[in-house]
Amino acid sequence: MAYNIQGYFEEKHEVHVHNDLLQNTPQLEVHCASGDDDLGHRYPGIGTEFNWSFCPTFSTLYFCHFWWNGKDLAFDVFNDTDACVRYRGHGFIPYDTTDCHWQVKDDGFYIGYFNQNVGQVIYTKYLDW
C-alpha cells in the first residue's frame, strides 16, 4: 500500500522497500518513520514491496528498522532530495532521483534507482546485515 505524505518545497519523492529474501526463510519485519510520520510495522512477503510517497522539505528524514532471522538493523532510507541518502547515495544514485529503492536480501541491503535506459531498477550493495 502506498502512502502520500505532503511537504512544501520539493516535488514528490517515493521510497520503495523490496523484500527479495530467499524463499522459505523467516518473515521480514520493517518499521519506517520520520519525525512526523510513523508508517507502522510492515511484513512484506517475499517478492513484494511496500512504498510511500511524500513531498520533502530540506530537513526530511525517514529511517527504517529491519528485523529478520535473529538480525536487526536500522538506518536512514531517505535524508537527501538529490541522492536518497546523503554521502553514501552520491556517486551511484543519479542527481535529482525522486524514487529511492531498497532491496532486502539475505546478505544485506542494496540501494537502487529506476534506470530509464534499461527499464529496470539498478542496485548496488549498501550495507551488510
Protein backbone atom coordinates (compact mmCIF):
# COMPACT_ATOMS: atom_id res chain seq x y z
CA MET A 1 0.00 0.00 0.00
CA ALA A 2 1.35 3.44 -0.91
CA TYR A 3 1.19 6.37 1.46
CA ASN A 4 1.24 10.02 0.34
CA ILE A 5 2.68 12.38 2.90
CA GLN A 6 2.62 16.04 1.93
CA GLY A 7 5.50 18.51 2.20
CA TYR A 8 6.02 22.01 0.93
CA PHE A 9 9.07 22.68 -1.19
CA GLU A 10 10.10 19.73 -3.31
CA GLU A 11 8.45 17.53 -5.90
CA LYS A 12 7.03 14.22 -4.75
CA HIS A 13 9.53 11.52 -3.82
CA GLU A 14 8.93 7.81 -3.25
CA VAL A 15 10.69 5.21 -1.15
CA HIS A 16 10.28 1.53 -2.04
CA VAL A 17 11.31 -1.36 0.22
CA HIS A 18 11.58 -4.64 -1.72
CA ASN A 19 11.68 -7.98 0.10
CA ASP A 20 13.99 -10.14 -2.02
CA LEU A 21 14.95 -12.62 0.69
CA LEU A 22 15.25 -16.31 -0.16
CA GLN A 23 12.10 -18.45 -0.21
CA ASN A 24 11.23 -20.40 2.94
CA THR A 25 13.06 -18.03 5.29
CA PRO A 26 11.72 -16.24 8.37
CA GLN A 27 9.32 -13.32 7.97
CA LEU A 28 10.84 -9.86 7.41
CA GLU A 29 9.57 -7.12 9.73
CA VAL A 30 10.10 -3.45 8.86
CA HIS A 31 9.23 -0.31 10.80
CA CYS A 32 9.68 3.02 8.99
CA ALA A 33 9.11 6.52 10.32
CA SER A 34 10.14 10.15 10.21
CA GLY A 35 9.95 12.77 12.93
CA ASP A 36 6.38 13.50 11.82
CA ASP A 37 5.05 10.27 10.33
CA ASP A 38 5.08 6.72 11.69
CA LEU A 39 4.33 4.25 8.91
CA GLY A 40 3.95 1.38 11.36
CA HIS A 41 5.29 -2.15 11.31
CA ARG A 42 5.09 -3.91 7.94
CA TYR A 43 5.56 -7.54 6.99
CA PRO A 44 6.14 -7.60 3.22
CA GLY A 45 6.01 -11.03 1.65
CA ILE A 46 8.93 -12.40 -0.32
CA GLY A 47 8.95 -10.86 -3.79
CA THR A 48 6.75 -7.92 -2.75
CA GLU A 49 7.38 -4.35 -1.71
CA PHE A 50 5.80 -1.56 0.24
CA ASN A 51 6.27 2.09 -0.57
CA TRP A 52 5.26 5.59 0.38
CA SER A 53 5.39 9.00 -1.25
CA PHE A 54 5.92 12.45 0.20
CA CYS A 55 6.96 15.98 -0.73
CA PRO A 56 10.13 16.56 1.30
CA THR A 57 11.34 19.71 2.97
CA PHE A 58 15.05 20.48 3.33
CA SER A 59 15.15 18.51 6.57
CA THR A 60 13.01 15.44 5.73
CA LEU A 61 14.45 12.19 7.06
CA TYR A 62 12.94 8.70 7.02
CA PHE A 63 14.55 5.73 8.73
CA CYS A 64 13.63 2.06 8.74
CA HIS A 65 14.34 -0.65 11.29
CA PHE A 66 14.57 -4.16 9.86
CA TRP A 67 14.28 -7.49 11.70
CA TRP A 68 14.94 -10.85 10.06
CA ASN A 69 16.25 -14.25 11.12
CA GLY A 70 17.56 -13.05 14.50
CA LYS A 71 19.22 -9.97 12.98
CA ASP A 72 18.18 -6.33 13.19
CA LEU A 73 19.45 -3.10 11.70
CA ALA A 74 18.17 0.48 11.50
CA PHE A 75 19.36 3.21 9.13
CA ASP A 76 18.20 6.25 7.16
CA VAL A 77 16.44 5.34 3.91
CA PHE A 78 15.88 8.98 2.88
CA ASN A 79 17.66 12.14 4.01
CA ASP A 80 18.73 13.83 0.75
CA THR A 81 16.49 15.15 -2.04
CA ASP A 82 19.28 14.70 -4.61
CA ALA A 83 20.56 11.17 -3.91
CA CYS A 84 18.19 9.46 -1.44
CA VAL A 85 20.82 9.24 1.30
CA ARG A 86 23.49 11.83 1.96
CA TYR A 87 27.09 10.81 1.23
CA ARG A 88 26.51 7.10 0.55
CA GLY A 89 23.99 7.66 -2.27
CA HIS A 90 26.13 10.21 -4.11
CA GLY A 91 28.13 8.72 -6.94
CA PHE A 92 25.64 5.92 -7.56
CA ILE A 93 22.17 7.47 -7.44
CA PRO A 94 21.74 9.98 -10.30
CA TYR A 95 21.27 13.60 -9.28
CA ASP A 96 17.62 14.56 -8.72
CA THR A 97 16.35 10.97 -8.44
CA THR A 98 12.88 11.03 -6.89
CA ASP A 99 12.40 7.27 -6.42
CA CYS A 100 14.60 5.56 -3.84
CA HIS A 101 14.61 1.76 -3.94
CA TRP A 102 15.83 -0.50 -1.15
CA GLN A 103 16.29 -4.21 -1.69
CA VAL A 104 16.50 -6.52 1.34
CA LYS A 105 18.42 -9.74 0.69
CA ASP A 106 19.91 -12.42 2.90
CA ASP A 107 23.39 -10.85 2.55
CA GLY A 108 22.29 -7.28 3.31
CA PHE A 109 20.76 -4.14 1.88
CA TYR A 110 21.02 -2.66 -1.58
CA ILE A 111 20.17 0.86 -2.73
CA GLY A 112 18.80 1.47 -6.20
CA TYR A 113 17.08 3.71 -8.68
CA PHE A 114 14.95 3.16 -11.78
CA ASN A 115 17.18 3.43 -14.85
CA GLN A 116 15.09 4.69 -17.78
CA ASN A 117 17.65 3.44 -20.33
CA VAL A 118 17.38 -0.21 -19.29
CA GLY A 119 13.82 -0.11 -17.96
CA GLN A 120 14.55 -1.57 -14.54
CA VAL A 121 15.85 -0.79 -11.08
CA ILE A 122 19.65 -0.90 -10.79
CA TYR A 123 21.06 -1.76 -7.35
CA THR A 124 24.38 -1.59 -5.56
CA LYS A 125 25.29 -3.06 -2.16
CA TYR A 126 24.77 -0.58 0.67
CA LEU A 127 25.10 -2.43 3.99
CA ASP A 128 25.55 -5.92 5.40
CA TRP A 129 23.12 -7.23 8.00
